[in-house]
Amino acid sequence: MKRNVIVDHKFREVRRLKQDVFISCITYYEVKRGLLAINATRQLAESDKFCQIYKILLIDDLEIIELACEI
């Protein structure tokens, strides 16, 4: 999202290999909340577009959430 060349290369490689990419709902929340807090309308639009391309993975397992907290 910050136009990081390395990240962009990784996404291109994943698409080339036809692998799935997911966004965790925790990451979605953190990014969206941060952008809303600073009223970053352009970045919000870019984030929304990005999230239409890559599926948001909803976490409904407490064990996963506990592990995410530790990480």
PDB file of N, CA and C in Angstrom:
ATOM      1  N   MET A   1       0.822  -1.193   0.000  1.00  0.00           N
ATOM      2  CA  MET A   1       0.000   0.000   0.000  1.00  0.00           C
ATOM      3  C   MET A   1       0.862   1.251   0.000  1.00  0.00           C
ATOM      4  N   LYS A   2       2.055   1.139   0.522  1.00  0.00           N
ATOM      5  CA  LYS A   2       2.951   2.292   0.528  1.00  0.00           C
ATOM      6  C   LYS A   2       3.850   2.273  -0.695  1.00  0.00           C
ATOM      7  N   ARG A   3       3.453   1.506  -1.694  1.00  0.00           N
ATOM      8  CA  ARG A   3       4.211   1.372  -2.933  1.00  0.00           C
ATOM      9  C   ARG A   3       5.620   0.829  -2.681  1.00  0.00           C
ATOM     10  N   ASN A   4       5.691  -0.128  -1.792  1.00  0.00           N
ATOM     11  CA  ASN A   4       6.944  -0.792  -1.478  1.00  0.00           C
ATOM     12  C   ASN A   4       7.277  -1.756  -2.609  1.00  0.00           C
ATOM     13  N   VAL A   5       8.427  -1.582  -3.220  1.00  0.00           N
ATOM     14  CA  VAL A   5       8.817  -2.379  -4.373  1.00  0.00           C
ATOM     15  C   VAL A   5       8.908  -3.862  -4.025  1.00  0.00           C
ATOM     16  N   ILE A   6       9.437  -4.179  -2.863  1.00  0.00           N
ATOM     17  CA  ILE A   6       9.583  -5.580  -2.457  1.00  0.00           C
ATOM     18  C   ILE A   6       8.209  -6.227  -2.270  1.00  0.00           C
ATOM     19  N   VAL A   7       7.316  -5.517  -1.595  1.00  0.00           N
ATOM     20  CA  VAL A   7       5.959  -6.043  -1.376  1.00  0.00           C
ATOM     21  C   VAL A   7       5.237  -6.192  -2.706  1.00  0.00           C
ATOM     22  N   ASP A   8       5.367  -5.199  -3.564  1.00  0.00           N
ATOM     23  CA  ASP A   8       4.736  -5.269  -4.884  1.00  0.00           C
ATOM     24  C   ASP A   8       5.245  -6.482  -5.657  1.00  0.00           C
ATOM     25  N   HIS A   9       6.542  -6.735  -5.592  1.00  0.00           N
ATOM     26  CA  HIS A   9       7.126  -7.898  -6.268  1.00  0.00           C
ATOM     27  C   HIS A   9       6.545  -9.198  -5.712  1.00  0.00           C
ATOM     28  N   LYS A  10       6.402  -9.270  -4.392  1.00  0.00           N
ATOM     29  CA  LYS A  10       5.843 -10.481  -3.761  1.00  0.00           C
ATOM     30  C   LYS A  10       4.408 -10.725  -4.229  1.00  0.00           C
ATOM     31  N   PHE A  11       3.591  -9.652  -4.272  1.00  0.00           N
ATOM     32  CA  PHE A  11       2.212  -9.800  -4.734  1.00  0.00           C
ATOM     33  C   PHE A  11       2.165 -10.261  -6.188  1.00  0.00           C
ATOM     34  N   ARG A  12       3.018  -9.712  -7.016  1.00  0.00           N
ATOM     35  CA  ARG A  12       3.067 -10.138  -8.418  1.00  0.00           C
ATOM     36  C   ARG A  12       3.453 -11.615  -8.537  1.00  0.00           C
ATOM     37  N   GLU A  13       4.414 -12.029  -7.729  1.00  0.00           N
ATOM     38  CA  GLU A  13       4.857 -13.422  -7.740  1.00  0.00           C
ATOM     39  C   GLU A  13       3.725 -14.358  -7.298  1.00  0.00           C
ATOM     40  N   VAL A  14       3.016 -13.974  -6.267  1.00  0.00           N
ATOM     41  CA  VAL A  14       1.898 -14.793  -5.774  1.00  0.00           C
ATOM     42  C   VAL A  14       0.817 -14.910  -6.843  1.00  0.00           C
ATOM     43  N   ARG A  15       0.510 -13.794  -7.502  1.00  0.00           N
ATOM     44  CA  ARG A  15      -0.499 -13.837  -8.572  1.00  0.00           C
ATOM     45  C   ARG A  15      -0.017 -14.722  -9.724  1.00  0.00           C
ATOM     46  N   ARG A  16       1.265 -14.622 -10.063  1.00  0.00           N
ATOM     47  CA  ARG A  16       1.818 -15.431 -11.146  1.00  0.00           C
ATOM     48  C   ARG A  16       1.689 -16.918 -10.821  1.00  0.00           C
ATOM     49  N   LEU A  17       1.889 -17.263  -9.564  1.00  0.00           N
ATOM     50  CA  LEU A  17       1.789 -18.655  -9.137  1.00  0.00           C
ATOM     51  C   LEU A  17       0.350 -19.091  -8.855  1.00  0.00           C
ATOM     52  N   LYS A  18      -0.575 -18.144  -9.028  1.00  0.00           N
ATOM     53  CA  LYS A  18      -2.008 -18.394  -8.810  1.00  0.00           C
ATOM     54  C   LYS A  18      -2.285 -18.893  -7.392  1.00  0.00           C
ATOM     55  N   GLN A  19      -1.598 -18.274  -6.435  1.00  0.00           N
ATOM     56  CA  GLN A  19      -1.820 -18.582  -5.027  1.00  0.00           C
ATOM     57  C   GLN A  19      -2.782 -17.559  -4.443  1.00  0.00           C
ATOM     58  N   ASP A  20      -3.437 -17.934  -3.355  1.00  0.00           N
ATOM     59  CA  ASP A  20      -4.385 -17.041  -2.697  1.00  0.00           C
ATOM     60  C   ASP A  20      -3.672 -16.104  -1.738  1.00  0.00           C
ATOM     61  N   VAL A  21      -4.193 -14.903  -1.638  1.00  0.00           N
ATOM     62  CA  VAL A  21      -3.721 -13.915  -0.668  1.00  0.00           C
ATOM     63  C   VAL A  21      -4.938 -13.475   0.129  1.00  0.00           C
ATOM     64  N   PHE A  22      -4.772 -13.422   1.442  1.00  0.00           N
ATOM     65  CA  PHE A  22      -5.859 -12.996   2.308  1.00  0.00           C
ATOM     66  C   PHE A  22      -5.374 -11.868   3.206  1.00  0.00           C
ATOM     67  N   ILE A  23      -6.316 -11.053   3.635  1.00  0.00           N
ATOM     68  CA  ILE A  23      -6.048  -9.996   4.606  1.00  0.00           C
ATOM     69  C   ILE A  23      -6.776 -10.403   5.875  1.00  0.00           C
ATOM     70  N   SER A  24      -6.067 -10.428   6.991  1.00  0.00           N
ATOM     71  CA  SER A  24      -6.759 -10.789   8.229  1.00  0.00           C
ATOM     72  C   SER A  24      -7.683  -9.645   8.630  1.00  0.00           C
ATOM     73  N   CYS A  25      -8.755  -9.979   9.290  1.00  0.00           N
ATOM     74  CA  CYS A  25      -9.694  -8.954   9.736  1.00  0.00           C
ATOM     75  C   CYS A  25      -9.026  -8.016  10.747  1.00  0.00           C
ATOM     76  N   ILE A  26      -8.030  -8.499  11.463  1.00  0.00           N
ATOM     77  CA  ILE A  26      -7.300  -7.655  12.418  1.00  0.00           C
ATOM     78  C   ILE A  26      -6.496  -6.600  11.657  1.00  0.00           C
ATOM     79  N   THR A  27      -5.817  -7.019  10.611  1.00  0.00           N
ATOM     80  CA  THR A  27      -5.063  -6.074   9.785  1.00  0.00           C
ATOM     81  C   THR A  27      -6.001  -5.074   9.132  1.00  0.00           C
ATOM     82  N   TYR A  28      -7.114  -5.565   8.610  1.00  0.00           N
ATOM     83  CA  TYR A  28      -8.109  -4.680   7.990  1.00  0.00           C
ATOM     84  C   TYR A  28      -8.546  -3.606   8.985  1.00  0.00           C
ATOM     85  N   TYR A  29      -8.876  -4.036  10.197  1.00  0.00           N
ATOM     86  CA  TYR A  29      -9.318  -3.103  11.234  1.00  0.00           C
ATOM     87  C   TYR A  29      -8.230  -2.067  11.531  1.00  0.00           C
ATOM     88  N   GLU A  30      -7.005  -2.523  11.738  1.00  0.00           N
ATOM     89  CA  GLU A  30      -5.920  -1.619  12.110  1.00  0.00           C
ATOM     90  C   GLU A  30      -5.656  -0.579  11.023  1.00  0.00           C
ATOM     91  N   VAL A  31      -5.628  -1.026   9.785  1.00  0.00           N
ATOM     92  CA  VAL A  31      -5.378  -0.101   8.673  1.00  0.00           C
ATOM     93  C   VAL A  31      -6.533   0.882   8.530  1.00  0.00           C
ATOM     94  N   LYS A  32      -7.745   0.361   8.501  1.00  0.00           N
ATOM     95  CA  LYS A  32      -8.907   1.236   8.286  1.00  0.00           C
ATOM     96  C   LYS A  32      -9.072   2.219   9.439  1.00  0.00           C
ATOM     97  N   ARG A  33      -8.904   1.750  10.650  1.00  0.00           N
ATOM     98  CA  ARG A  33      -9.040   2.626  11.816  1.00  0.00           C
ATOM     99  C   ARG A  33      -7.995   3.739  11.781  1.00  0.00           C
ATOM    100  N   GLY A  34      -6.773   3.395  11.433  1.00  0.00           N
ATOM    101  CA  GLY A  34      -5.719   4.396  11.342  1.00  0.00           C
ATOM    102  C   GLY A  34      -5.990   5.432  10.266  1.00  0.00           C
ATOM    103  N   LEU A  35      -6.456   4.985   9.109  1.00  0.00           N
ATOM    104  CA  LEU A  35      -6.755   5.915   8.021  1.00  0.00           C
ATOM    105  C   LEU A  35      -7.945   6.806   8.351  1.00  0.00           C
ATOM    106  N   LEU A  36      -8.949   6.237   9.014  1.00  0.00           N
ATOM    107  CA  LEU A  36     -10.101   7.048   9.433  1.00  0.00           C
ATOM    108  C   LEU A  36      -9.691   8.091  10.464  1.00  0.00           C
ATOM    109  N   ALA A  37      -8.786   7.723  11.350  1.00  0.00           N
ATOM    110  CA  ALA A  37      -8.345   8.632  12.421  1.00  0.00           C
ATOM    111  C   ALA A  37      -7.666   9.879  11.867  1.00  0.00           C
ATOM    112  N   ILE A  38      -6.977   9.724  10.741  1.00  0.00           N
ATOM    113  CA  ILE A  38      -6.280  10.882  10.162  1.00  0.00           C
ATOM    114  C   ILE A  38      -7.020  11.444   8.939  1.00  0.00           C
ATOM    115  N   ASN A  39      -8.214  10.942   8.700  1.00  0.00           N
ATOM    116  CA  ASN A  39      -9.060  11.403   7.593  1.00  0.00           C
ATOM    117  C   ASN A  39      -8.323  11.335   6.250  1.00  0.00           C
ATOM    118  N   ALA A  40      -7.682  10.218   6.008  1.00  0.00           N
ATOM    119  CA  ALA A  40      -6.883  10.015   4.792  1.00  0.00           C
ATOM    120  C   ALA A  40      -7.773   9.468   3.688  1.00  0.00           C
ATOM    121  N   THR A  41      -8.530  10.329   3.050  1.00  0.00           N
ATOM    122  CA  THR A  41      -9.541   9.895   2.085  1.00  0.00           C
ATOM    123  C   THR A  41      -8.936   9.175   0.878  1.00  0.00           C
ATOM    124  N   ARG A  42      -7.809   9.664   0.365  1.00  0.00           N
ATOM    125  CA  ARG A  42      -7.196   9.006  -0.798  1.00  0.00           C
ATOM    126  C   ARG A  42      -6.724   7.605  -0.436  1.00  0.00           C
ATOM    127  N   GLN A  43      -6.058   7.490   0.727  1.00  0.00           N
ATOM    128  CA  GLN A  43      -5.578   6.185   1.160  1.00  0.00           C
ATOM    129  C   GLN A  43      -6.731   5.247   1.494  1.00  0.00           C
ATOM    130  N   LEU A  44      -7.829   5.788   2.038  1.00  0.00           N
ATOM    131  CA  LEU A  44      -9.014   4.965   2.305  1.00  0.00           C
ATOM    132  C   LEU A  44      -9.556   4.373   1.011  1.00  0.00           C
ATOM    133  N   ALA A  45      -9.607   5.193  -0.031  1.00  0.00           N
ATOM    134  CA  ALA A  45     -10.093   4.708  -1.326  1.00  0.00           C
ATOM    135  C   ALA A  45      -9.161   3.620  -1.869  1.00  0.00           C
ATOM    136  N   GLU A  46      -7.841   3.819  -1.737  1.00  0.00           N
ATOM    137  CA  GLU A  46      -6.878   2.810  -2.192  1.00  0.00           C
ATOM    138  C   GLU A  46      -7.011   1.524  -1.380  1.00  0.00           C
ATOM    139  N   SER A  47      -7.215   1.676  -0.083  1.00  0.00           N
ATOM    140  CA  SER A  47      -7.374   0.512   0.790  1.00  0.00           C
ATOM    141  C   SER A  47      -8.635  -0.266   0.421  1.00  0.00           C
ATOM    142  N   ASP A  48      -9.722   0.448   0.179  1.00  0.00           N
ATOM    143  CA  ASP A  48     -10.976  -0.214  -0.212  1.00  0.00           C
ATOM    144  C   ASP A  48     -10.802  -0.982  -1.517  1.00  0.00           C
ATOM    145  N   LYS A  49     -10.108  -0.370  -2.473  1.00  0.00           N
ATOM    146  CA  LYS A  49      -9.857  -1.039  -3.753  1.00  0.00           C
ATOM    147  C   LYS A  49      -9.010  -2.294  -3.540  1.00  0.00           C
ATOM    148  N   PHE A  50      -7.980  -2.183  -2.715  1.00  0.00           N
ATOM    149  CA  PHE A  50      -7.108  -3.311  -2.402  1.00  0.00           C
ATOM    150  C   PHE A  50      -7.912  -4.458  -1.782  1.00  0.00           C
ATOM    151  N   CYS A  51      -8.822  -4.105  -0.864  1.00  0.00           N
ATOM    152  CA  CYS A  51      -9.617  -5.124  -0.165  1.00  0.00           C
ATOM    153  C   CYS A  51     -10.691  -5.742  -1.052  1.00  0.00           C
ATOM    154  N   GLN A  52     -10.968  -5.143  -2.190  1.00  0.00           N
ATOM    155  CA  GLN A  52     -11.885  -5.759  -3.147  1.00  0.00           C
ATOM    156  C   GLN A  52     -11.158  -6.829  -3.962  1.00  0.00           C
ATOM    157  N   ILE A  53      -9.848  -6.664  -4.087  1.00  0.00           N
ATOM    158  CA  ILE A  53      -9.047  -7.621  -4.849  1.00  0.00           C
ATOM    159  C   ILE A  53      -8.704  -8.836  -3.993  1.00  0.00           C
ATOM    160  N   TYR A  54      -8.329  -8.583  -2.734  1.00  0.00           N
ATOM    161  CA  TYR A  54      -7.903  -9.652  -1.837  1.00  0.00           C
ATOM    162  C   TYR A  54      -8.942  -9.861  -0.745  1.00  0.00           C
ATOM    163  N   LYS A  55      -9.293 -11.093  -0.523  1.00  0.00           N
ATOM    164  CA  LYS A  55     -10.350 -11.443   0.424  1.00  0.00           C
ATOM    165  C   LYS A  55      -9.920 -11.184   1.867  1.00  0.00           C
ATOM    166  N   ILE A  56     -10.858 -10.650   2.644  1.00  0.00           N
ATOM    167  CA  ILE A  56     -10.622 -10.441   4.072  1.00  0.00           C
ATOM    168  C   ILE A  56     -10.972 -11.727   4.795  1.00  0.00           C
ATOM    169  N   LEU A  57     -10.015 -12.230   5.551  1.00  0.00           N
ATOM    170  CA  LEU A  57     -10.186 -13.489   6.264  1.00  0.00           C
ATOM    171  C   LEU A  57     -10.760 -13.205   7.648  1.00  0.00           C
ATOM    172  N   LEU A  58     -11.983 -13.620   7.856  1.00  0.00           N
ATOM    173  CA  LEU A  58     -12.627 -13.417   9.146  1.00  0.00           C
ATOM    174  C   LEU A  58     -12.170 -14.517  10.101  1.00  0.00           C
ATOM    175  N   ILE A  59     -11.766 -14.114  11.267  1.00  0.00           N
ATOM    176  CA  ILE A  59     -11.260 -15.061  12.255  1.00  0.00           C
ATOM    177  C   ILE A  59     -12.374 -15.363  13.252  1.00  0.00           C
ATOM    178  N   ASP A  60     -12.761 -16.610  13.292  1.00  0.00           N
ATOM    179  CA  ASP A  60     -13.847 -16.994  14.198  1.00  0.00           C
ATOM    180  C   ASP A  60     -13.429 -18.105  15.154  1.00  0.00           C
ATOM    181  N   ASP A  61     -12.125 -18.233  15.324  1.00  0.00           N
ATOM    182  CA  ASP A  61     -11.591 -19.274  16.188  1.00  0.00           C
ATOM    183  C   ASP A  61     -10.748 -18.601  17.269  1.00  0.00           C
ATOM    184  N   LEU A  62     -11.147 -18.756  18.506  1.00  0.00           N
ATOM    185  CA  LEU A  62     -10.457 -18.091  19.620  1.00  0.00           C
ATOM    186  C   LEU A  62      -8.983 -18.488  19.689  1.00  0.00           C
ATOM    187  N   GLU A  63      -8.676 -19.720  19.342  1.00  0.00           N
ATOM    188  CA  GLU A  63      -7.279 -20.165  19.368  1.00  0.00           C
ATOM    189  C   GLU A  63      -6.427 -19.339  18.398  1.00  0.00           C
ATOM    190  N   ILE A  64      -6.966 -19.035  17.234  1.00  0.00           N
ATOM    191  CA  ILE A  64      -6.248 -18.208  16.252  1.00  0.00           C
ATOM    192  C   ILE A  64      -6.042 -16.802  16.808  1.00  0.00           C
ATOM    193  N   ILE A  65      -7.068 -16.248  17.414  1.00  0.00           N
ATOM    194  CA  ILE A  65      -6.975 -14.898  17.980  1.00  0.00           C
ATOM    195  C   ILE A  65      -5.947 -14.863  19.106  1.00  0.00           C
ATOM    196  N   GLU A  66      -5.937 -15.886  19.944  1.00  0.00           N
ATOM    197  CA  GLU A  66      -4.951 -15.947  21.019  1.00  0.00           C
ATOM    198  C   GLU A  66      -3.531 -15.982  20.455  1.00  0.00           C
ATOM    199  N   LEU A  67      -3.321 -16.764  19.407  1.00  0.00           N
ATOM    200  CA  LEU A  67      -2.008 -16.847  18.783  1.00  0.00           C
ATOM    201  C   LEU A  67      -1.631 -15.496  18.155  1.00  0.00           C
ATOM    202  N   ALA A  68      -2.574 -14.830  17.537  1.00  0.00           N
ATOM    203  CA  ALA A  68      -2.319 -13.509  16.960  1.00  0.00           C
ATOM    204  C   ALA A  68      -1.911 -12.525  18.038  1.00  0.00           C
ATOM    205  N   CYS A  69      -2.514 -12.601  19.208  1.00  0.00           N
ATOM    206  CA  CYS A  69      -2.145 -11.724  20.321  1.00  0.00           C
ATOM    207  C   CYS A  69      -0.693 -11.937  20.730  1.00  0.00           C
ATOM    208  N   GLU A  70      -0.262 -13.175  20.732  1.00  0.00           N
ATOM    209  CA  GLU A  70       1.117 -13.477  21.109  1.00  0.00           C
ATOM    210  C   GLU A  70       2.120 -12.974  20.085  1.00  0.00           C
ATOM    211  N   ILE A  71       1.736 -13.044  18.813  1.00  0.00           N
ATOM    212  CA  ILE A  71       2.625 -12.595  17.734  1.00  0.00           C
ATOM    213  C   ILE A  71       2.746 -11.078  17.798  1.00  0.00           C
TER     214      ILE A  71
END
